[in-house]
C-alpha atoms as a PDB file:
ATOM      1  CA  UNK A   1      14.056  43.092  -0.776  1.00  0.00           C
ATOM      2  CA  UNK A   2      11.494  45.645   0.286  1.00  0.00           C
ATOM      3  CA  UNK A   3      11.530  47.229   3.811  1.00  0.00           C
ATOM      4  CA  UNK A   4       8.282  45.424   4.657  1.00  0.00           C
ATOM      5  CA  UNK A   5       9.620  42.119   3.642  1.00  0.00           C
ATOM      6  CA  UNK A   6      12.838  42.722   5.605  1.00  0.00           C
ATOM      7  CA  UNK A   7      10.872  43.581   8.727  1.00  0.00           C
ATOM      8  CA  UNK A   8       8.725  40.479   8.299  1.00  0.00           C
ATOM      9  CA  UNK A   9      11.770  38.248   7.895  1.00  0.00           C
ATOM     10  CA  UNK A  10      13.357  39.792  11.018  1.00  0.00           C
ATOM     11  CA  UNK A  11      10.268  39.184  13.031  1.00  0.00           C
ATOM     12  CA  UNK A  12       9.991  35.617  11.862  1.00  0.00           C
ATOM     13  CA  UNK A  13      13.672  34.956  12.774  1.00  0.00           C
ATOM     14  CA  UNK A  14      13.177  36.463  16.248  1.00  0.00           C
ATOM     15  CA  UNK A  15      10.023  34.424  16.832  1.00  0.00           C
ATOM     16  CA  UNK A  16      11.708  31.291  15.546  1.00  0.00           C
ATOM     17  CA  UNK A  17      14.690  31.819  17.856  1.00  0.00           C
ATOM     18  CA  UNK A  18      12.490  32.452  20.873  1.00  0.00           C
ATOM     19  CA  UNK A  19      10.443  29.285  20.208  1.00  0.00           C
ATOM     20  CA  UNK A  20      13.545  27.161  19.701  1.00  0.00           C
ATOM     21  CA  UNK A  21      14.989  28.477  22.982  1.00  0.00           C
ATOM     22  CA  UNK A  22      11.773  27.913  24.962  1.00  0.00           C
ATOM     23  CA  UNK A  23      11.353  24.423  23.511  1.00  0.00           C
ATOM     24  CA  UNK A  24      14.867  23.544  24.488  1.00  0.00           C
ATOM     25  CA  UNK A  25      14.293  24.746  28.077  1.00  0.00           C
ATOM     26  CA  UNK A  26      11.131  22.647  28.415  1.00  0.00           C
ATOM     27  CA  UNK A  27      12.805  19.517  27.029  1.00  0.00           C
ATOM     28  CA  UNK A  28      15.876  19.934  29.226  1.00  0.00           C
ATOM     29  CA  UNK A  29      13.650  20.364  32.333  1.00  0.00           C
ATOM     30  CA  UNK A  30      11.631  17.365  31.431  1.00  0.00           C
ATOM     31  CA  UNK A  31      14.680  15.169  30.778  1.00  0.00           C
ATOM     32  CA  UNK A  32      15.958  15.924  34.319  1.00  0.00           C
ATOM     33  CA  UNK A  33      12.847  14.570  35.962  1.00  0.00           C
ATOM     34  CA  UNK A  34      12.445  11.084  37.473  1.00  0.00           C
ATOM     35  CA  UNK A  35       9.121   9.800  38.833  1.00  0.00           C
ATOM     36  CA  UNK A  36       9.818   8.012  42.091  1.00  0.00           C
ATOM     37  CA  UNK A  37       7.093   9.205  44.442  1.00  0.00           C
ATOM     38  CA  UNK A  38       3.934  11.238  44.690  1.00  0.00           C
ATOM     39  CA  UNK A  39       5.727  14.568  44.763  1.00  0.00           C
ATOM     40  CA  UNK A  40       7.844  13.843  41.712  1.00  0.00           C
ATOM     41  CA  UNK A  41       4.726  12.483  39.946  1.00  0.00           C
ATOM     42  CA  UNK A  42       2.949  15.836  40.542  1.00  0.00           C
ATOM     43  CA  UNK A  43       6.070  17.722  39.292  1.00  0.00           C
ATOM     44  CA  UNK A  44       6.171  15.605  36.252  1.00  0.00           C
ATOM     45  CA  UNK A  45       2.508  16.209  35.577  1.00  0.00           C
ATOM     46  CA  UNK A  46       3.218  19.941  35.536  1.00  0.00           C
ATOM     47  CA  UNK A  47       6.203  19.314  33.198  1.00  0.00           C
ATOM     48  CA  UNK A  48       3.875  17.323  30.955  1.00  0.00           C
ATOM     49  CA  UNK A  49       1.542  20.278  30.731  1.00  0.00           C
ATOM     50  CA  UNK A  50       4.408  22.501  29.785  1.00  0.00           C
ATOM     51  CA  UNK A  51       5.400  20.019  27.039  1.00  0.00           C
ATOM     52  CA  UNK A  52       1.854  20.076  25.712  1.00  0.00           C
ATOM     53  CA  UNK A  53       1.852  23.872  25.871  1.00  0.00           C
ATOM     54  CA  UNK A  54       5.053  24.104  23.905  1.00  0.00           C
ATOM     55  CA  UNK A  55       3.691  21.678  21.286  1.00  0.00           C
ATOM     56  CA  UNK A  56       0.528  23.752  20.971  1.00  0.00           C
ATOM     57  CA  UNK A  57       2.513  26.924  20.479  1.00  0.00           C
ATOM     58  CA  UNK A  58       4.715  25.363  17.858  1.00  0.00           C
ATOM     59  CA  UNK A  59       1.669  24.008  15.903  1.00  0.00           C
ATOM     60  CA  UNK A  60      -0.043  27.469  16.057  1.00  0.00           C
ATOM     61  CA  UNK A  61       3.144  29.170  14.839  1.00  0.00           C
ATOM     62  CA  UNK A  62       3.741  26.604  12.027  1.00  0.00           C
ATOM     63  CA  UNK A  63       0.074  26.386  10.890  1.00  0.00           C
ATOM     64  CA  UNK A  64      -0.040  29.466   8.661  1.00  0.00           C
ATOM     65  CA  UNK A  65       3.119  28.336   6.917  1.00  0.00           C
ATOM     66  CA  UNK A  66       1.798  24.777   6.544  1.00  0.00           C
ATOM     67  CA  UNK A  67      -1.549  26.093   5.219  1.00  0.00           C
ATOM     68  CA  UNK A  68       0.223  28.316   2.640  1.00  0.00           C
ATOM     69  CA  UNK A  69       2.469  25.436   1.607  1.00  0.00           C
ATOM     70  CA  UNK A  70      -0.507  23.130   1.346  1.00  0.00           C
ATOM     71  CA  UNK A  71      -2.386  25.528  -0.884  1.00  0.00           C
ATOM     72  CA  UNK A  72       0.641  25.865  -3.205  1.00  0.00           C
ATOM     73  CA  UNK A  73       1.052  22.018  -3.181  1.00  0.00           C
ATOM     74  CA  UNK A  74      -2.645  21.515  -3.894  1.00  0.00           C
ATOM     75  CA  UNK A  75      -2.552  23.979  -6.775  1.00  0.00           C
ATOM     76  CA  UNK A  76       0.373  22.102  -8.312  1.00  0.00           C
ATOM     77  CA  UNK A  77      -1.378  18.758  -7.831  1.00  0.00           C
ATOM     78  CA  UNK A  78      -4.567  20.110  -9.427  1.00  0.00           C
ATOM     79  CA  UNK A  79      -2.580  21.197 -12.447  1.00  0.00           C
ATOM     80  CA  UNK A  80      -0.850  17.799 -12.569  1.00  0.00           C
ATOM     81  CA  UNK A  81      -4.182  16.012 -12.512  1.00  0.00           C
ATOM     82  CA  UNK A  82      -5.639  18.331 -15.127  1.00  0.00           C
ATOM     83  CA  UNK A  83      -2.786  17.428 -17.463  1.00  0.00           C
ATOM     84  CA  UNK A  84      -2.265  13.745 -16.466  1.00  0.00           C
ATOM     85  CA  UNK A  85      -5.853  12.474 -16.166  1.00  0.00           C
ATOM     86  CA  UNK A  86      -6.633  12.382 -19.876  1.00  0.00           C
ATOM     87  CA  UNK A  87      -3.245  10.810 -20.600  1.00  0.00           C
ATOM     88  CA  UNK A  88      -3.695   8.134 -17.932  1.00  0.00           C
ATOM     89  CA  UNK A  89      -7.266   7.393 -19.185  1.00  0.00           C
ATOM     90  CA  UNK A  90      -5.900   6.762 -22.660  1.00  0.00           C
ATOM     91  CA  UNK A  91      -3.014   4.771 -21.282  1.00  0.00           C
ATOM     92  CA  UNK A  92      -5.549   2.444 -19.566  1.00  0.00           C
ATOM     93  CA  UNK A  93      -7.767   2.171 -22.602  1.00  0.00           C
ATOM     94  CA  UNK A  94      -4.802   1.327 -24.887  1.00  0.00           C
ATOM     95  CA  UNK A  95      -3.309  -1.191 -22.384  1.00  0.00           C
ATOM     96  CA  UNK A  96      -6.745  -2.920 -21.932  1.00  0.00           C
ATOM     97  CA  UNK A  97      -7.087  -3.122 -25.777  1.00  0.00           C
ATOM     98  CA  UNK A  98      -3.658  -4.590 -26.168  1.00  0.00           C
ATOM     99  CA  UNK A  99      -4.232  -7.112 -23.392  1.00  0.00           C
ATOM    100  CA  UNK A 100      -7.536  -8.143 -24.935  1.00  0.00           C
ATOM    101  CA  UNK A 101      -5.868  -8.516 -28.298  1.00  0.00           C
ATOM    102  CA  UNK A 102      -3.206 -10.719 -26.780  1.00  0.00           C
ATOM    103  CA  UNK A 103      -5.793 -12.962 -25.189  1.00  0.00           C
ATOM    104  CA  UNK A 104      -7.994 -13.255 -28.235  1.00  0.00           C
ATOM    105  CA  UNK A 105      -4.976 -13.786 -30.593  1.00  0.00           C
ATOM    106  CA  UNK A 106      -3.461 -16.532 -28.340  1.00  0.00           C
ATOM    107  CA  UNK A 107      -6.788 -18.282 -28.063  1.00  0.00           C
ATOM    108  CA  UNK A 108      -7.197 -18.303 -31.897  1.00  0.00           C
ATOM    109  CA  UNK A 109      -3.565 -19.326 -32.151  1.00  0.00           C
ATOM    110  CA  UNK A 110      -4.036 -22.212 -29.761  1.00  0.00           C
ATOM    111  CA  UNK A 111      -7.078 -23.409 -31.744  1.00  0.00           C
ATOM    112  CA  UNK A 112      -5.218 -23.186 -35.015  1.00  0.00           C
ATOM    113  CA  UNK A 113      -2.297 -24.995 -33.424  1.00  0.00           C
ATOM    114  CA  UNK A 114      -4.619 -27.798 -32.269  1.00  0.00           C
ATOM    115  CA  UNK A 115      -6.041 -28.113 -35.800  1.00  0.00           C
ATOM    116  CA  UNK A 116      -2.668 -28.315 -37.409  1.00  0.00           C
ATOM    117  CA  UNK A 117      -1.497 -30.857 -34.830  1.00  0.00           C
ATOM    118  CA  UNK A 118      -4.531 -33.001 -35.508  1.00  0.00           C
ATOM    119  CA  UNK A 119      -3.778 -32.761 -39.208  1.00  0.00           C
ATOM    120  CA  UNK A 120      -0.193 -33.680 -38.657  1.00  0.00           C
ATOM    121  CA  UNK A 121      -1.274 -36.741 -36.594  1.00  0.00           C
ATOM    122  CA  UNK A 122      -3.686 -37.841 -39.304  1.00  0.00           C
ATOM    123  CA  UNK A 123      -1.024 -37.413 -41.989  1.00  0.00           C
ATOM    124  CA  UNK A 124       1.456 -39.347 -39.989  1.00  0.00           C
ATOM    125  CA  UNK A 125      -1.036 -42.171 -39.380  1.00  0.00           C
ATOM    126  CA  UNK A 126      -1.909 -42.248 -43.132  1.00  0.00           C
ATOM    127  CA  UNK A 127       1.806 -42.377 -43.957  1.00  0.00           C
ATOM    128  CA  UNK A 128       2.337 -45.220 -41.538  1.00  0.00           C
ATOM    129  CA  UNK A 129      -0.650 -47.081 -42.908  1.00  0.00           C
ATOM    130  CA  UNK A 130       0.701 -46.647 -46.438  1.00  0.00           C
ATOM    131  CA  UNK A 131       4.004 -48.134 -45.326  1.00  0.00           C
ATOM    132  CA  UNK A 132       2.185 -51.123 -43.922  1.00  0.00           C
ATOM    133  CA  UNK A 133       2.642 -50.153 -40.303  1.00  0.00           C
ATOM    134  CA  UNK A 134      -0.932 -50.535 -39.191  1.00  0.00           C
ATOM    135  CA  UNK A 135      -0.139 -50.872 -35.497  1.00  0.00           C
ATOM    136  CA  UNK A 136       1.948 -47.720 -35.614  1.00  0.00           C
ATOM    137  CA  UNK A 137      -0.880 -45.866 -37.321  1.00  0.00           C
ATOM    138  CA  UNK A 138      -3.277 -46.892 -34.643  1.00  0.00           C
ATOM    139  CA  UNK A 139      -0.848 -45.849 -31.898  1.00  0.00           C
ATOM    140  CA  UNK A 140      -0.457 -42.471 -33.565  1.00  0.00           C
ATOM    141  CA  UNK A 141      -4.212 -41.913 -33.717  1.00  0.00           C
ATOM    142  CA  UNK A 142      -4.525 -43.037 -30.026  1.00  0.00           C
ATOM    143  CA  UNK A 143      -1.777 -40.664 -28.923  1.00  0.00           C
ATOM    144  CA  UNK A 144       0.517 -43.502 -27.968  1.00  0.00           C
ATOM    145  CA  UNK A 145       3.169 -42.611 -30.573  1.00  0.00           C
ATOM    146  CA  UNK A 146       5.164 -39.422 -31.041  1.00  0.00           C
ATOM    147  CA  UNK A 147       4.182 -37.042 -33.800  1.00  0.00           C
ATOM    148  CA  UNK A 148       6.218 -34.058 -34.906  1.00  0.00           C
ATOM    149  CA  UNK A 149       5.073 -30.949 -33.074  1.00  0.00           C
ATOM    150  CA  UNK A 150       3.690 -28.217 -35.295  1.00  0.00           C
ATOM    151  CA  UNK A 151       4.776 -24.730 -34.221  1.00  0.00           C
ATOM    152  CA  UNK A 152       2.590 -21.875 -35.358  1.00  0.00           C
ATOM    153  CA  UNK A 153       4.245 -18.470 -35.845  1.00  0.00           C
ATOM    154  CA  UNK A 154       3.691 -15.871 -33.116  1.00  0.00           C
ATOM    155  CA  UNK A 155       0.919 -13.411 -33.902  1.00  0.00           C
ATOM    156  CA  UNK A 156       1.827 -10.743 -31.224  1.00  0.00           C
ATOM    157  CA  UNK A 157       4.187  -8.132 -32.748  1.00  0.00           C
ATOM    158  CA  UNK A 158       7.376  -7.400 -30.852  1.00  0.00           C
ATOM    159  CA  UNK A 159       7.668  -3.627 -30.296  1.00  0.00           C
ATOM    160  CA  UNK A 160      10.765  -1.943 -28.903  1.00  0.00           C
ATOM    161  CA  UNK A 161      10.071  -0.357 -25.477  1.00  0.00           C
ATOM    162  CA  UNK A 162       6.966  -2.439 -24.864  1.00  0.00           C
ATOM    163  CA  UNK A 163       7.073  -5.452 -22.536  1.00  0.00           C
ATOM    164  CA  UNK A 164       4.281  -7.812 -21.564  1.00  0.00           C
ATOM    165  CA  UNK A 165       4.160  -8.994 -17.927  1.00  0.00           C
ATOM    166  CA  UNK A 166       1.975 -11.945 -17.118  1.00  0.00           C
ATOM    167  CA  UNK A 167       0.626 -12.658 -13.623  1.00  0.00           C
ATOM    168  CA  UNK A 168      -2.282 -14.524 -12.086  1.00  0.00           C
ATOM    169  CA  UNK A 169      -5.099 -12.700 -10.371  1.00  0.00           C
ATOM    170  CA  UNK A 170      -7.984 -14.064  -8.343  1.00  0.00           C
ATOM    171  CA  UNK A 171     -11.460 -13.323  -6.932  1.00  0.00           C
ATOM    172  CA  UNK A 172     -13.223 -15.015  -4.032  1.00  0.00           C
ATOM    173  CA  UNK A 173     -15.658 -17.655  -5.399  1.00  0.00           C
ATOM    174  CA  UNK A 174     -16.697 -19.209  -2.099  1.00  0.00           C
ATOM    175  CA  UNK A 175     -15.142 -17.932   1.142  1.00  0.00           C
ATOM    176  CA  UNK A 176     -16.523 -20.722   3.207  1.00  0.00           C
ATOM    177  CA  UNK A 177     -14.065 -23.106   1.468  1.00  0.00           C
ATOM    178  CA  UNK A 178     -10.978 -20.982   2.107  1.00  0.00           C
ATOM    179  CA  UNK A 179      -8.548 -22.555   4.632  1.00  0.00           C
ATOM    180  CA  UNK A 180      -8.340 -20.853   8.020  1.00  0.00           C
ATOM    181  CA  UNK A 181      -4.679 -19.865   7.583  1.00  0.00           C
ATOM    182  CA  UNK A 182      -5.746 -17.580   4.706  1.00  0.00           C
ATOM    183  CA  UNK A 183      -8.377 -15.748   6.745  1.00  0.00           C
ATOM    184  CA  UNK A 184      -7.696 -12.360   8.340  1.00  0.00           C
ATOM    185  CA  UNK A 185      -9.265 -11.755  11.835  1.00  0.00           C
ATOM    186  CA  UNK A 186     -11.678  -8.814  12.040  1.00  0.00           C
ATOM    187  CA  UNK A 187      -9.508  -6.743  14.343  1.00  0.00           C
ATOM    188  CA  UNK A 188     -11.964  -3.777  14.353  1.00  0.00           C
ATOM    189  CA  UNK A 189     -14.787  -5.927  15.711  1.00  0.00           C
ATOM    190  CA  UNK A 190     -12.505  -7.692  18.220  1.00  0.00           C
ATOM    191  CA  UNK A 191     -11.339  -4.301  19.458  1.00  0.00           C
ATOM    192  CA  UNK A 192     -14.927  -3.162  20.064  1.00  0.00           C
ATOM    193  CA  UNK A 193     -15.622  -6.300  22.138  1.00  0.00           C
ATOM    194  CA  UNK A 194     -12.405  -5.902  24.106  1.00  0.00           C
ATOM    195  CA  UNK A 195     -13.137  -2.220  24.910  1.00  0.00           C
ATOM    196  CA  UNK A 196     -16.617  -3.159  26.077  1.00  0.00           C
ATOM    197  CA  UNK A 197     -15.732  -6.317  27.985  1.00  0.00           C
ATOM    198  CA  UNK A 198     -12.085  -5.866  29.127  1.00  0.00           C
ATOM    199  CA  UNK A 199     -10.338  -8.958  30.317  1.00  0.00           C
ATOM    200  CA  UNK A 200     -13.579 -10.958  29.977  1.00  0.00           C
ATOM    201  CA  UNK A 201     -13.215 -10.697  26.219  1.00  0.00           C
ATOM    202  CA  UNK A 202     -10.688 -13.616  26.399  1.00  0.00           C
ATOM    203  CA  UNK A 203     -13.641 -15.850  27.273  1.00  0.00           C
ATOM    204  CA  UNK A 204     -15.827 -14.310  24.555  1.00  0.00           C
ATOM    205  CA  UNK A 205     -13.227 -14.634  21.794  1.00  0.00           C
ATOM    206  CA  UNK A 206     -10.867 -17.622  22.293  1.00  0.00           C
ATOM    207  CA  UNK A 207      -7.407 -17.078  20.895  1.00  0.00           C
ATOM    208  CA  UNK A 208      -6.851 -13.508  22.044  1.00  0.00           C
ATOM    209  CA  UNK A 209      -4.876 -12.100  25.003  1.00  0.00           C
ATOM    210  CA  UNK A 210      -6.221  -8.943  26.585  1.00  0.00           C
ATOM    211  CA  UNK A 211      -4.053  -6.474  28.473  1.00  0.00           C
ATOM    212  CA  UNK A 212      -4.803  -3.070  29.922  1.00  0.00           C
ATOM    213  CA  UNK A 213      -2.995   0.016  28.618  1.00  0.00           C
ATOM    214  CA  UNK A 214      -2.840   3.291  30.453  1.00  0.00           C
ATOM    215  CA  UNK A 215      -2.876   6.576  28.529  1.00  0.00           C
ATOM    216  CA  UNK A 216      -2.154   9.964  30.144  1.00  0.00           C
ATOM    217  CA  UNK A 217      -3.870  12.987  28.688  1.00  0.00           C
ATOM    218  CA  UNK A 218      -2.716  16.542  29.385  1.00  0.00           C
ATOM    219  CA  UNK A 219      -3.763  20.063  28.539  1.00  0.00           C
ATOM    220  CA  UNK A 220      -0.938  22.550  27.790  1.00  0.00           C
ATOM    221  CA  UNK A 221      -0.583  25.536  30.097  1.00  0.00           C
ATOM    222  CA  UNK A 222       2.103  27.289  28.083  1.00  0.00           C
ATOM    223  CA  UNK A 223       4.627  27.259  30.921  1.00  0.00           C
ATOM    224  CA  UNK A 224       8.235  26.843  30.000  1.00  0.00           C
ATOM    225  CA  UNK A 225      11.584  26.648  31.769  1.00  0.00           C
ATOM    226  CA  UNK A 226      10.034  25.295  35.034  1.00  0.00           C
ATOM    227  CA  UNK A 227      12.200  25.166  38.108  1.00  0.00           C
ATOM    228  CA  UNK A 228      12.169  22.004  40.163  1.00  0.00           C
ATOM    229  CA  UNK A 229      10.885  22.407  43.689  1.00  0.00           C
END
């Protein structure tokens, strides 16, 4: 390791140690506080500013390292996309082609199966007629009598390492006919009305309960290790 790198590493370790120590002091001071009256409230408010200051310092210290790491990560991701994108595009094209072939082949197979079944029904009816079983022949033609089922061979090749998963998908044809239990409330729009109307929003939008939340904002002052007064 070069002298410059050694110095930089020592400086990093010293700063990291100092930040860890000051952070621990701020946390310990804050943990000892209890808000029971106006004076302790004010003390807690100062402690809160110290907490925010410590957070700011940590973020400022970490930021260059995060930025450097992010640049390295982005470079790796860019290379990954450069290599993967054409492969994934071809994967999608091949899969779509195979799925279309399955659909078309199964449709043609079903049509052929229907034709063969009709032929089998007709042959069975003719055979029954030739045997003098006119009523049976009529029942066969009317679908009231059993006919041997003709099974057509599968037309989709079975390939090792390739599996076909079937699942149903949907699109919305008419949202006005969808039952209420399948509808999702527009929480974004509801939130806008609640923020503008407060508790009165319960009268504007039946079915909601409005409650007030209190958020405390604080600016960090960088103080650490505060002493209780």
